[in-house]
Amino acid sequence: MEDRLCSIFAEKQIEIKSDNLWHKTGNIAVEYFCWGKKSGISISKAKFWAFILEKEKSIEWVFIVHIKKLRQLAQKYYDKGSVKYGGDAKCSWMILIPVKELIQ
């Protein structure tokens, strides 16, 4: 099993994101549009996404999600209108997915 995980990282089949507001919002933010173009989950070629969830500069959780499952969740919450404009440069549109959905 460890070899399979190592191959995912070695072949760069994984996109790694961090979120330090999850403990306040209960959500992770998944970018899909930035600077007027598709971005993030809309164009990712990665097979997996990893989310590092931090709280007070300490890692609390790490989730690895298959891109197919993440896109299903993203579509579900996009359809519900769970989107937000923001990001570091305030140029991104993000879909907000409840952390509890990653656990299930």
PDB file of N, CA and C in Angstrom:
ATOM      1  N   MET A   1       0.819  -1.190   0.000  1.00  0.00           N
ATOM      2  CA  MET A   1       0.000   0.000   0.000  1.00  0.00           C
ATOM      3  C   MET A   1       0.869   1.262   0.000  1.00  0.00           C
ATOM      4  N   GLU A   2       1.949   1.233   0.778  1.00  0.00           N
ATOM      5  CA  GLU A   2       2.829   2.400   0.842  1.00  0.00           C
ATOM      6  C   GLU A   2       3.431   2.700  -0.524  1.00  0.00           C
ATOM      7  N   ASP A   3       3.743   1.642  -1.287  1.00  0.00           N
ATOM      8  CA  ASP A   3       4.313   1.824  -2.621  1.00  0.00           C
ATOM      9  C   ASP A   3       3.339   2.546  -3.551  1.00  0.00           C
ATOM     10  N   ARG A   4       2.065   2.232  -3.416  1.00  0.00           N
ATOM     11  CA  ARG A   4       1.059   2.900  -4.263  1.00  0.00           C
ATOM     12  C   ARG A   4       1.004   4.388  -3.961  1.00  0.00           C
ATOM     13  N   LEU A   5       1.041   4.743  -2.681  1.00  0.00           N
ATOM     14  CA  LEU A   5       1.016   6.148  -2.299  1.00  0.00           C
ATOM     15  C   LEU A   5       2.280   6.856  -2.776  1.00  0.00           C
ATOM     16  N   CYS A   6       3.405   6.220  -2.627  1.00  0.00           N
ATOM     17  CA  CYS A   6       4.666   6.815  -3.093  1.00  0.00           C
ATOM     18  C   CYS A   6       4.630   7.059  -4.591  1.00  0.00           C
ATOM     19  N   SER A   7       4.039   6.145  -5.353  1.00  0.00           N
ATOM     20  CA  SER A   7       3.986   6.326  -6.810  1.00  0.00           C
ATOM     21  C   SER A   7       3.093   7.496  -7.197  1.00  0.00           C
ATOM     22  N   ILE A   8       2.043   7.738  -6.435  1.00  0.00           N
ATOM     23  CA  ILE A   8       1.169   8.889  -6.704  1.00  0.00           C
ATOM     24  C   ILE A   8       1.960  10.176  -6.574  1.00  0.00           C
ATOM     25  N   PHE A   9       2.743  10.284  -5.506  1.00  0.00           N
ATOM     26  CA  PHE A   9       3.550  11.486  -5.294  1.00  0.00           C
ATOM     27  C   PHE A   9       4.695  11.571  -6.300  1.00  0.00           C
ATOM     28  N   ALA A  10       5.359  10.462  -6.561  1.00  0.00           N
ATOM     29  CA  ALA A  10       6.516  10.454  -7.444  1.00  0.00           C
ATOM     30  C   ALA A  10       6.147  10.819  -8.873  1.00  0.00           C
ATOM     31  N   GLU A  11       4.995  10.395  -9.322  1.00  0.00           N
ATOM     32  CA  GLU A  11       4.574  10.667 -10.694  1.00  0.00           C
ATOM     33  C   GLU A  11       3.826  11.992 -10.817  1.00  0.00           C
ATOM     34  N   LYS A  12       3.800  12.762  -9.739  1.00  0.00           N
ATOM     35  CA  LYS A  12       3.147  14.067  -9.720  1.00  0.00           C
ATOM     36  C   LYS A  12       1.691  13.981 -10.172  1.00  0.00           C
ATOM     37  N   GLN A  13       1.034  12.952  -9.704  1.00  0.00           N
ATOM     38  CA  GLN A  13      -0.378  12.760 -10.004  1.00  0.00           C
ATOM     39  C   GLN A  13      -1.252  13.453  -8.969  1.00  0.00           C
ATOM     40  N   ILE A  14      -0.632  14.238  -8.109  1.00  0.00           N
ATOM     41  CA  ILE A  14      -1.371  14.822  -6.999  1.00  0.00           C
ATOM     42  C   ILE A  14      -1.152  16.326  -6.948  1.00  0.00           C
ATOM     43  N   GLU A  15      -2.224  17.046  -6.714  1.00  0.00           N
ATOM     44  CA  GLU A  15      -2.164  18.495  -6.522  1.00  0.00           C
ATOM     45  C   GLU A  15      -2.373  18.749  -5.035  1.00  0.00           C
ATOM     46  N   ILE A  16      -1.539  19.584  -4.456  1.00  0.00           N
ATOM     47  CA  ILE A  16      -1.582  19.798  -3.012  1.00  0.00           C
ATOM     48  C   ILE A  16      -2.034  21.222  -2.705  1.00  0.00           C
ATOM     49  N   LYS A  17      -3.050  21.331  -1.867  1.00  0.00           N
ATOM     50  CA  LYS A  17      -3.613  22.616  -1.470  1.00  0.00           C
ATOM     51  C   LYS A  17      -3.635  22.711   0.048  1.00  0.00           C
ATOM     52  N   SER A  18      -3.598  23.917   0.554  1.00  0.00           N
ATOM     53  CA  SER A  18      -3.727  24.091   2.000  1.00  0.00           C
ATOM     54  C   SER A  18      -4.876  25.048   2.280  1.00  0.00           C
ATOM     55  N   ASP A  19      -5.449  24.913   3.441  1.00  0.00           N
ATOM     56  CA  ASP A  19      -6.562  25.760   3.849  1.00  0.00           C
ATOM     57  C   ASP A  19      -6.414  26.021   5.341  1.00  0.00           C
ATOM     58  N   ASN A  20      -6.364  27.298   5.718  1.00  0.00           N
ATOM     59  CA  ASN A  20      -6.224  27.614   7.144  1.00  0.00           C
ATOM     60  C   ASN A  20      -7.469  28.299   7.719  1.00  0.00           C
ATOM     61  N   LEU A  21      -8.561  28.325   6.945  1.00  0.00           N
ATOM     62  CA  LEU A  21      -9.818  28.880   7.447  1.00  0.00           C
ATOM     63  C   LEU A  21     -10.879  27.810   7.681  1.00  0.00           C
ATOM     64  N   TRP A  22     -10.582  26.585   7.337  1.00  0.00           N
ATOM     65  CA  TRP A  22     -11.551  25.501   7.427  1.00  0.00           C
ATOM     66  C   TRP A  22     -12.159  25.372   8.819  1.00  0.00           C
ATOM     67  N   HIS A  23     -11.361  25.580   9.859  1.00  0.00           N
ATOM     68  CA  HIS A  23     -11.864  25.404  11.222  1.00  0.00           C
ATOM     69  C   HIS A  23     -12.838  26.505  11.624  1.00  0.00           C
ATOM     70  N   LYS A  24     -12.827  27.636  10.903  1.00  0.00           N
ATOM     71  CA  LYS A  24     -13.781  28.716  11.155  1.00  0.00           C
ATOM     72  C   LYS A  24     -15.031  28.573  10.290  1.00  0.00           C
ATOM     73  N   THR A  25     -14.837  28.119   9.035  1.00  0.00           N
ATOM     74  CA  THR A  25     -15.942  28.053   8.086  1.00  0.00           C
ATOM     75  C   THR A  25     -16.587  26.678   7.993  1.00  0.00           C
ATOM     76  N   GLY A  26     -15.806  25.637   8.316  1.00  0.00           N
ATOM     77  CA  GLY A  26     -16.296  24.275   8.142  1.00  0.00           C
ATOM     78  C   GLY A  26     -16.183  23.790   6.711  1.00  0.00           C
ATOM     79  N   ASN A  27     -15.565  24.610   5.849  1.00  0.00           N
ATOM     80  CA  ASN A  27     -15.457  24.302   4.422  1.00  0.00           C
ATOM     81  C   ASN A  27     -14.008  24.315   3.952  1.00  0.00           C
ATOM     82  N   ILE A  28     -13.790  23.639   2.829  1.00  0.00           N
ATOM     83  CA  ILE A  28     -12.566  23.852   2.074  1.00  0.00           C
ATOM     84  C   ILE A  28     -12.970  24.636   0.833  1.00  0.00           C
ATOM     85  N   ALA A  29     -12.072  25.451   0.330  1.00  0.00           N
ATOM     86  CA  ALA A  29     -12.332  26.243  -0.868  1.00  0.00           C
ATOM     87  C   ALA A  29     -11.576  25.628  -2.034  1.00  0.00           C
ATOM     88  N   VAL A  30     -12.292  25.337  -3.115  1.00  0.00           N
ATOM     89  CA  VAL A  30     -11.704  24.735  -4.301  1.00  0.00           C
ATOM     90  C   VAL A  30     -11.855  25.722  -5.455  1.00  0.00           C
ATOM     91  N   GLU A  31     -10.736  26.258  -5.913  1.00  0.00           N
ATOM     92  CA  GLU A  31     -10.759  27.244  -7.008  1.00  0.00           C
ATOM     93  C   GLU A  31     -11.176  26.589  -8.318  1.00  0.00           C
ATOM     94  N   TYR A  32     -11.994  27.322  -9.099  1.00  0.00           N
ATOM     95  CA  TYR A  32     -12.390  26.827 -10.417  1.00  0.00           C
ATOM     96  C   TYR A  32     -12.275  27.887 -11.500  1.00  0.00           C
ATOM     97  N   PHE A  33     -12.064  29.159 -11.132  1.00  0.00           N
ATOM     98  CA  PHE A  33     -12.009  30.243 -12.119  1.00  0.00           C
ATOM     99  C   PHE A  33     -11.142  31.358 -11.535  1.00  0.00           C
ATOM    100  N   CYS A  34     -10.225  31.899 -12.331  1.00  0.00           N
ATOM    101  CA  CYS A  34      -9.355  32.963 -11.838  1.00  0.00           C
ATOM    102  C   CYS A  34      -8.891  33.843 -13.000  1.00  0.00           C
ATOM    103  N   TRP A  35      -8.858  35.128 -12.754  1.00  0.00           N
ATOM    104  CA  TRP A  35      -8.436  36.115 -13.765  1.00  0.00           C
ATOM    105  C   TRP A  35      -9.164  35.915 -15.096  1.00  0.00           C
ATOM    106  N   GLY A  36     -10.454  35.581 -15.020  1.00  0.00           N
ATOM    107  CA  GLY A  36     -11.273  35.460 -16.227  1.00  0.00           C
ATOM    108  C   GLY A  36     -11.096  34.162 -16.996  1.00  0.00           C
ATOM    109  N   LYS A  37     -10.410  33.170 -16.411  1.00  0.00           N
ATOM    110  CA  LYS A  37     -10.178  31.899 -17.102  1.00  0.00           C
ATOM    111  C   LYS A  37     -10.439  30.724 -16.155  1.00  0.00           C
ATOM    112  N   LYS A  38     -10.751  29.577 -16.759  1.00  0.00           N
ATOM    113  CA  LYS A  38     -10.864  28.361 -15.968  1.00  0.00           C
ATOM    114  C   LYS A  38      -9.530  28.103 -15.282  1.00  0.00           C
ATOM    115  N   SER A  39      -9.611  27.590 -14.059  1.00  0.00           N
ATOM    116  CA  SER A  39      -8.398  27.288 -13.298  1.00  0.00           C
ATOM    117  C   SER A  39      -8.710  26.196 -12.287  1.00  0.00           C
ATOM    118  N   GLY A  40      -7.713  25.846 -11.493  1.00  0.00           N
ATOM    119  CA  GLY A  40      -7.925  24.896 -10.409  1.00  0.00           C
ATOM    120  C   GLY A  40      -8.554  23.598 -10.852  1.00  0.00           C
ATOM    121  N   ILE A  41      -9.635  23.235 -10.203  1.00  0.00           N
ATOM    122  CA  ILE A  41     -10.288  21.953 -10.465  1.00  0.00           C
ATOM    123  C   ILE A  41     -10.841  21.857 -11.894  1.00  0.00           C
ATOM    124  N   SER A  42     -11.125  22.993 -12.506  1.00  0.00           N
ATOM    125  CA  SER A  42     -11.667  22.995 -13.874  1.00  0.00           C
ATOM    126  C   SER A  42     -10.669  22.469 -14.898  1.00  0.00           C
ATOM    127  N   ILE A  43      -9.386  22.655 -14.627  1.00  0.00           N
ATOM    128  CA  ILE A  43      -8.369  22.278 -15.621  1.00  0.00           C
ATOM    129  C   ILE A  43      -7.306  21.315 -15.094  1.00  0.00           C
ATOM    130  N   SER A  44      -7.388  20.948 -13.844  1.00  0.00           N
ATOM    131  CA  SER A  44      -6.360  20.091 -13.248  1.00  0.00           C
ATOM    132  C   SER A  44      -6.246  18.760 -13.977  1.00  0.00           C
ATOM    133  N   LYS A  45      -5.009  18.335 -14.199  1.00  0.00           N
ATOM    134  CA  LYS A  45      -4.742  17.039 -14.803  1.00  0.00           C
ATOM    135  C   LYS A  45      -4.316  16.012 -13.740  1.00  0.00           C
ATOM    136  N   ALA A  46      -4.280  16.447 -12.493  1.00  0.00           N
ATOM    137  CA  ALA A  46      -3.904  15.550 -11.402  1.00  0.00           C
ATOM    138  C   ALA A  46      -4.968  14.476 -11.209  1.00  0.00           C
ATOM    139  N   LYS A  47      -4.557  13.316 -10.755  1.00  0.00           N
ATOM    140  CA  LYS A  47      -5.506  12.233 -10.458  1.00  0.00           C
ATOM    141  C   LYS A  47      -6.061  12.356  -9.045  1.00  0.00           C
ATOM    142  N   PHE A  48      -5.292  13.009  -8.178  1.00  0.00           N
ATOM    143  CA  PHE A  48      -5.691  13.184  -6.787  1.00  0.00           C
ATOM    144  C   PHE A  48      -5.408  14.603  -6.340  1.00  0.00           C
ATOM    145  N   TRP A  49      -6.177  15.075  -5.369  1.00  0.00           N
ATOM    146  CA  TRP A  49      -5.906  16.347  -4.695  1.00  0.00           C
ATOM    147  C   TRP A  49      -5.723  16.046  -3.220  1.00  0.00           C
ATOM    148  N   ALA A  50      -4.724  16.678  -2.638  1.00  0.00           N
ATOM    149  CA  ALA A  50      -4.498  16.577  -1.197  1.00  0.00           C
ATOM    150  C   ALA A  50      -4.807  17.919  -0.576  1.00  0.00           C
ATOM    151  N   PHE A  51      -5.502  17.904   0.521  1.00  0.00           N
ATOM    152  CA  PHE A  51      -5.817  19.117   1.269  1.00  0.00           C
ATOM    153  C   PHE A  51      -5.133  19.041   2.617  1.00  0.00           C
ATOM    154  N   ILE A  52      -4.289  20.014   2.898  1.00  0.00           N
ATOM    155  CA  ILE A  52      -3.640  20.132   4.194  1.00  0.00           C
ATOM    156  C   ILE A  52      -4.429  21.182   4.967  1.00  0.00           C
ATOM    157  N   LEU A  53      -5.060  20.753   6.039  1.00  0.00           N
ATOM    158  CA  LEU A  53      -5.892  21.648   6.834  1.00  0.00           C
ATOM    159  C   LEU A  53      -5.125  22.053   8.085  1.00  0.00           C
ATOM    160  N   GLU A  54      -4.838  23.339   8.157  1.00  0.00           N
ATOM    161  CA  GLU A  54      -4.031  23.876   9.247  1.00  0.00           C
ATOM    162  C   GLU A  54      -4.886  24.680  10.217  1.00  0.00           C
ATOM    163  N   LYS A  55      -4.433  24.708  11.460  1.00  0.00           N
ATOM    164  CA  LYS A  55      -5.054  25.517  12.495  1.00  0.00           C
ATOM    165  C   LYS A  55      -3.929  26.041  13.373  1.00  0.00           C
ATOM    166  N   GLU A  56      -3.837  27.346  13.444  1.00  0.00           N
ATOM    167  CA  GLU A  56      -2.783  27.996  14.220  1.00  0.00           C
ATOM    168  C   GLU A  56      -1.402  27.469  13.837  1.00  0.00           C
ATOM    169  N   LYS A  57      -1.161  27.411  12.520  1.00  0.00           N
ATOM    170  CA  LYS A  57       0.121  26.991  11.929  1.00  0.00           C
ATOM    171  C   LYS A  57       0.504  25.547  12.242  1.00  0.00           C
ATOM    172  N   SER A  58      -0.470  24.752  12.621  1.00  0.00           N
ATOM    173  CA  SER A  58      -0.245  23.340  12.904  1.00  0.00           C
ATOM    174  C   SER A  58      -1.154  22.511  11.998  1.00  0.00           C
ATOM    175  N   ILE A  59      -0.612  21.469  11.423  1.00  0.00           N
ATOM    176  CA  ILE A  59      -1.414  20.600  10.558  1.00  0.00           C
ATOM    177  C   ILE A  59      -2.341  19.752  11.427  1.00  0.00           C
ATOM    178  N   GLU A  60      -3.634  19.864  11.134  1.00  0.00           N
ATOM    179  CA  GLU A  60      -4.651  19.097  11.861  1.00  0.00           C
ATOM    180  C   GLU A  60      -5.078  17.858  11.069  1.00  0.00           C
ATOM    181  N   TRP A  61      -5.251  18.039   9.765  1.00  0.00           N
ATOM    182  CA  TRP A  61      -5.756  16.970   8.903  1.00  0.00           C
ATOM    183  C   TRP A  61      -5.062  17.040   7.544  1.00  0.00           C
ATOM    184  N   VAL A  62      -4.946  15.881   6.902  1.00  0.00           N
ATOM    185  CA  VAL A  62      -4.547  15.799   5.507  1.00  0.00           C
ATOM    186  C   VAL A  62      -5.509  14.820   4.846  1.00  0.00           C
ATOM    187  N   PHE A  63      -6.176  15.284   3.799  1.00  0.00           N
ATOM    188  CA  PHE A  63      -7.103  14.443   3.041  1.00  0.00           C
ATOM    189  C   PHE A  63      -6.586  14.298   1.627  1.00  0.00           C
ATOM    190  N   ILE A  64      -6.654  13.094   1.100  1.00  0.00           N
ATOM    191  CA  ILE A  64      -6.329  12.861  -0.304  1.00  0.00           C
ATOM    192  C   ILE A  64      -7.606  12.358  -0.961  1.00  0.00           C
ATOM    193  N   VAL A  65      -8.013  13.044  -2.021  1.00  0.00           N
ATOM    194  CA  VAL A  65      -9.293  12.758  -2.680  1.00  0.00           C
ATOM    195  C   VAL A  65      -9.041  12.514  -4.163  1.00  0.00           C
ATOM    196  N   HIS A  66      -9.656  11.472  -4.697  1.00  0.00           N
ATOM    197  CA  HIS A  66      -9.574  11.223  -6.138  1.00  0.00           C
ATOM    198  C   HIS A  66     -10.271  12.367  -6.868  1.00  0.00           C
ATOM    199  N   ILE A  67      -9.702  12.808  -7.967  1.00  0.00           N
ATOM    200  CA  ILE A  67     -10.239  13.971  -8.702  1.00  0.00           C
ATOM    201  C   ILE A  67     -11.690  13.740  -9.134  1.00  0.00           C
ATOM    202  N   LYS A  68     -12.043  12.520  -9.479  1.00  0.00           N
ATOM    203  CA  LYS A  68     -13.419  12.239  -9.892  1.00  0.00           C
ATOM    204  C   LYS A  68     -14.396  12.537  -8.751  1.00  0.00           C
ATOM    205  N   LYS A  69     -14.069  12.069  -7.550  1.00  0.00           N
ATOM    206  CA  LYS A  69     -14.927  12.308  -6.381  1.00  0.00           C
ATOM    207  C   LYS A  69     -14.962  13.796  -6.043  1.00  0.00           C
ATOM    208  N   LEU A  70     -13.805  14.465  -6.115  1.00  0.00           N
ATOM    209  CA  LEU A  70     -13.759  15.891  -5.808  1.00  0.00           C
ATOM    210  C   LEU A  70     -14.588  16.694  -6.808  1.00  0.00           C
ATOM    211  N   ARG A  71     -14.522  16.336  -8.067  1.00  0.00           N
ATOM    212  CA  ARG A  71     -15.338  17.045  -9.076  1.00  0.00           C
ATOM    213  C   ARG A  71     -16.826  16.811  -8.846  1.00  0.00           C
ATOM    214  N   GLN A  72     -17.204  15.611  -8.413  1.00  0.00           N
ATOM    215  CA  GLN A  72     -18.611  15.348  -8.092  1.00  0.00           C
ATOM    216  C   GLN A  72     -19.070  16.236  -6.935  1.00  0.00           C
ATOM    217  N   LEU A  73     -18.246  16.307  -5.888  1.00  0.00           N
ATOM    218  CA  LEU A  73     -18.589  17.161  -4.745  1.00  0.00           C
ATOM    219  C   LEU A  73     -18.628  18.627  -5.153  1.00  0.00           C
ATOM    220  N   ALA A  74     -17.663  19.045  -5.952  1.00  0.00           N
ATOM    221  CA  ALA A  74     -17.621  20.439  -6.401  1.00  0.00           C
ATOM    222  C   ALA A  74     -18.870  20.780  -7.204  1.00  0.00           C
ATOM    223  N   GLN A  75     -19.281  19.900  -8.092  1.00  0.00           N
ATOM    224  CA  GLN A  75     -20.480  20.151  -8.897  1.00  0.00           C
ATOM    225  C   GLN A  75     -21.717  20.235  -8.005  1.00  0.00           C
ATOM    226  N   LYS A  76     -21.800  19.334  -7.035  1.00  0.00           N
ATOM    227  CA  LYS A  76     -22.933  19.324  -6.099  1.00  0.00           C
ATOM    228  C   LYS A  76     -23.055  20.675  -5.389  1.00  0.00           C
ATOM    229  N   TYR A  77     -21.944  21.195  -4.873  1.00  0.00           N
ATOM    230  CA  TYR A  77     -22.003  22.447  -4.119  1.00  0.00           C
ATOM    231  C   TYR A  77     -22.033  23.682  -5.016  1.00  0.00           C
ATOM    232  N   TYR A  78     -21.521  23.574  -6.214  1.00  0.00           N
ATOM    233  CA  TYR A  78     -21.668  24.656  -7.197  1.00  0.00           C
ATOM    234  C   TYR A  78     -23.151  24.810  -7.538  1.00  0.00           C
ATOM    235  N   ASP A  79     -23.814  23.678  -7.788  1.00  0.00           N
ATOM    236  CA  ASP A  79     -25.243  23.701  -8.116  1.00  0.00           C
ATOM    237  C   ASP A  79     -26.082  24.272  -6.972  1.00  0.00           C
ATOM    238  N   LYS A  80     -25.619  24.101  -5.734  1.00  0.00           N
ATOM    239  CA  LYS A  80     -26.320  24.649  -4.568  1.00  0.00           C
ATOM    240  C   LYS A  80     -25.993  26.124  -4.352  1.00  0.00           C
ATOM    241  N   GLY A  81     -25.077  26.673  -5.162  1.00  0.00           N
ATOM    242  CA  GLY A  81     -24.711  28.081  -5.019  1.00  0.00           C
ATOM    243  C   GLY A  81     -23.674  28.345  -3.940  1.00  0.00           C
ATOM    244  N   SER A  82     -22.972  27.302  -3.538  1.00  0.00           N
ATOM    245  CA  SER A  82     -21.963  27.444  -2.496  1.00  0.00           C
ATOM    246  C   SER A  82     -20.635  27.883  -3.130  1.00  0.00           C
ATOM    247  N   VAL A  83     -20.622  29.135  -3.595  1.00  0.00           N
ATOM    248  CA  VAL A  83     -19.433  29.692  -4.240  1.00  0.00           C
ATOM    249  C   VAL A  83     -19.065  31.019  -3.580  1.00  0.00           C
ATOM    250  N   LYS A  84     -17.797  31.360  -3.704  1.00  0.00           N
ATOM    251  CA  LYS A  84     -17.308  32.580  -3.089  1.00  0.00           C
ATOM    252  C   LYS A  84     -16.228  33.183  -3.967  1.00  0.00           C
ATOM    253  N   TYR A  85     -16.190  34.495  -4.003  1.00  0.00           N
ATOM    254  CA  TYR A  85     -15.159  35.229  -4.722  1.00  0.00           C
ATOM    255  C   TYR A  85     -14.108  35.647  -3.717  1.00  0.00           C
ATOM    256  N   GLY A  86     -12.845  35.447  -4.030  1.00  0.00           N
ATOM    257  CA  GLY A  86     -11.800  35.845  -3.087  1.00  0.00           C
ATOM    258  C   GLY A  86     -10.451  35.294  -3.462  1.00  0.00           C
ATOM    259  N   GLY A  87      -9.766  34.729  -2.495  1.00  0.00           N
ATOM    260  CA  GLY A  87      -8.418  34.224  -2.713  1.00  0.00           C
ATOM    261  C   GLY A  87      -7.377  35.259  -2.349  1.00  0.00           C
ATOM    262  N   ASP A  88      -6.112  34.898  -2.538  1.00  0.00           N
ATOM    263  CA  ASP A  88      -5.012  35.769  -2.152  1.00  0.00           C
ATOM    264  C   ASP A  88      -5.064  37.135  -2.828  1.00  0.00           C
ATOM    265  N   ALA A  89      -5.306  37.153  -4.134  1.00  0.00           N
ATOM    266  CA  ALA A  89      -5.338  38.421  -4.870  1.00  0.00           C
ATOM    267  C   ALA A  89      -6.770  38.871  -5.149  1.00  0.00           C
ATOM    268  N   LYS A  90      -7.741  38.231  -4.506  1.00  0.00           N
ATOM    269  CA  LYS A  90      -9.167  38.540  -4.708  1.00  0.00           C
ATOM    270  C   LYS A  90      -9.553  38.437  -6.190  1.00  0.00           C
ATOM    271  N   CYS A  91      -9.030  37.396  -6.838  1.00  0.00           N
ATOM    272  CA  CYS A  91      -9.294  37.222  -8.269  1.00  0.00           C
ATOM    273  C   CYS A  91      -9.902  35.865  -8.592  1.00  0.00           C
ATOM    274  N   SER A  92     -10.206  35.071  -7.580  1.00  0.00           N
ATOM    275  CA  SER A  92     -10.628  33.691  -7.797  1.00  0.00           C
ATOM    276  C   SER A  92     -12.077  33.456  -7.401  1.00  0.00           C
ATOM    277  N   TRP A  93     -12.697  32.553  -8.127  1.00  0.00           N
ATOM    278  CA  TRP A  93     -13.989  32.014  -7.743  1.00  0.00           C
ATOM    279  C   TRP A  93     -13.743  30.626  -7.188  1.00  0.00           C
ATOM    280  N   MET A  94     -14.327  30.351  -6.031  1.00  0.00           N
ATOM    281  CA  MET A  94     -14.100  29.088  -5.349  1.00  0.00           C
ATOM    282  C   MET A  94     -15.418  28.439  -4.965  1.00  0.00           C
ATOM    283  N   ILE A  95     -15.422  27.130  -5.018  1.00  0.00           N
ATOM    284  CA  ILE A  95     -16.559  26.346  -4.553  1.00  0.00           C
ATOM    285  C   ILE A  95     -16.254  25.938  -3.116  1.00  0.00           C
ATOM    286  N   LEU A  96     -17.208  26.145  -2.240  1.00  0.00           N
ATOM    287  CA  LEU A  96     -17.035  25.789  -0.835  1.00  0.00           C
ATOM    288  C   LEU A  96     -17.646  24.414  -0.582  1.00  0.00           C
ATOM    289  N   ILE A  97     -16.804  23.488  -0.150  1.00  0.00           N
ATOM    290  CA  ILE A  97     -17.231  22.113   0.117  1.00  0.00           C
ATOM    291  C   ILE A  97     -17.057  21.848   1.611  1.00  0.00           C
ATOM    292  N   PRO A  98     -18.120  21.397   2.280  1.00  0.00           N
ATOM    293  CA  PRO A  98     -17.982  21.104   3.714  1.00  0.00           C
ATOM    294  C   PRO A  98     -16.910  20.032   3.965  1.00  0.00           C
ATOM    295  N   VAL A  99     -16.095  20.260   4.974  1.00  0.00           N
ATOM    296  CA  VAL A  99     -15.050  19.308   5.332  1.00  0.00           C
ATOM    297  C   VAL A  99     -15.657  17.947   5.628  1.00  0.00           C
ATOM    298  N   LYS A 100     -16.841  17.930   6.238  1.00  0.00           N
ATOM    299  CA  LYS A 100     -17.479  16.644   6.581  1.00  0.00           C
ATOM    300  C   LYS A 100     -17.721  15.783   5.353  1.00  0.00           C
ATOM    301  N   GLU A 101     -17.854  16.406   4.175  1.00  0.00           N
ATOM    302  CA  GLU A 101     -18.039  15.647   2.949  1.00  0.00           C
ATOM    303  C   GLU A 101     -16.771  14.869   2.588  1.00  0.00           C
ATOM    304  N   LEU A 102     -15.615  15.373   2.952  1.00  0.00           N
ATOM    305  CA  LEU A 102     -14.364  14.662   2.676  1.00  0.00           C
ATOM    306  C   LEU A 102     -14.213  13.451   3.588  1.00  0.00           C
ATOM    307  N   ILE A 103     -14.808  13.530   4.753  1.00  0.00           N
ATOM    308  CA  ILE A 103     -14.692  12.447   5.726  1.00  0.00           C
ATOM    309  C   ILE A 103     -15.571  11.268   5.355  1.00  0.00           C
ATOM    310  N   GLN A 104     -16.712  11.552   4.749  1.00  0.00           N
ATOM    311  CA  GLN A 104     -17.676  10.485   4.423  1.00  0.00           C
ATOM    312  C   GLN A 104     -17.215   9.643   3.252  1.00  0.00           C
TER     313      GLN A 104
END
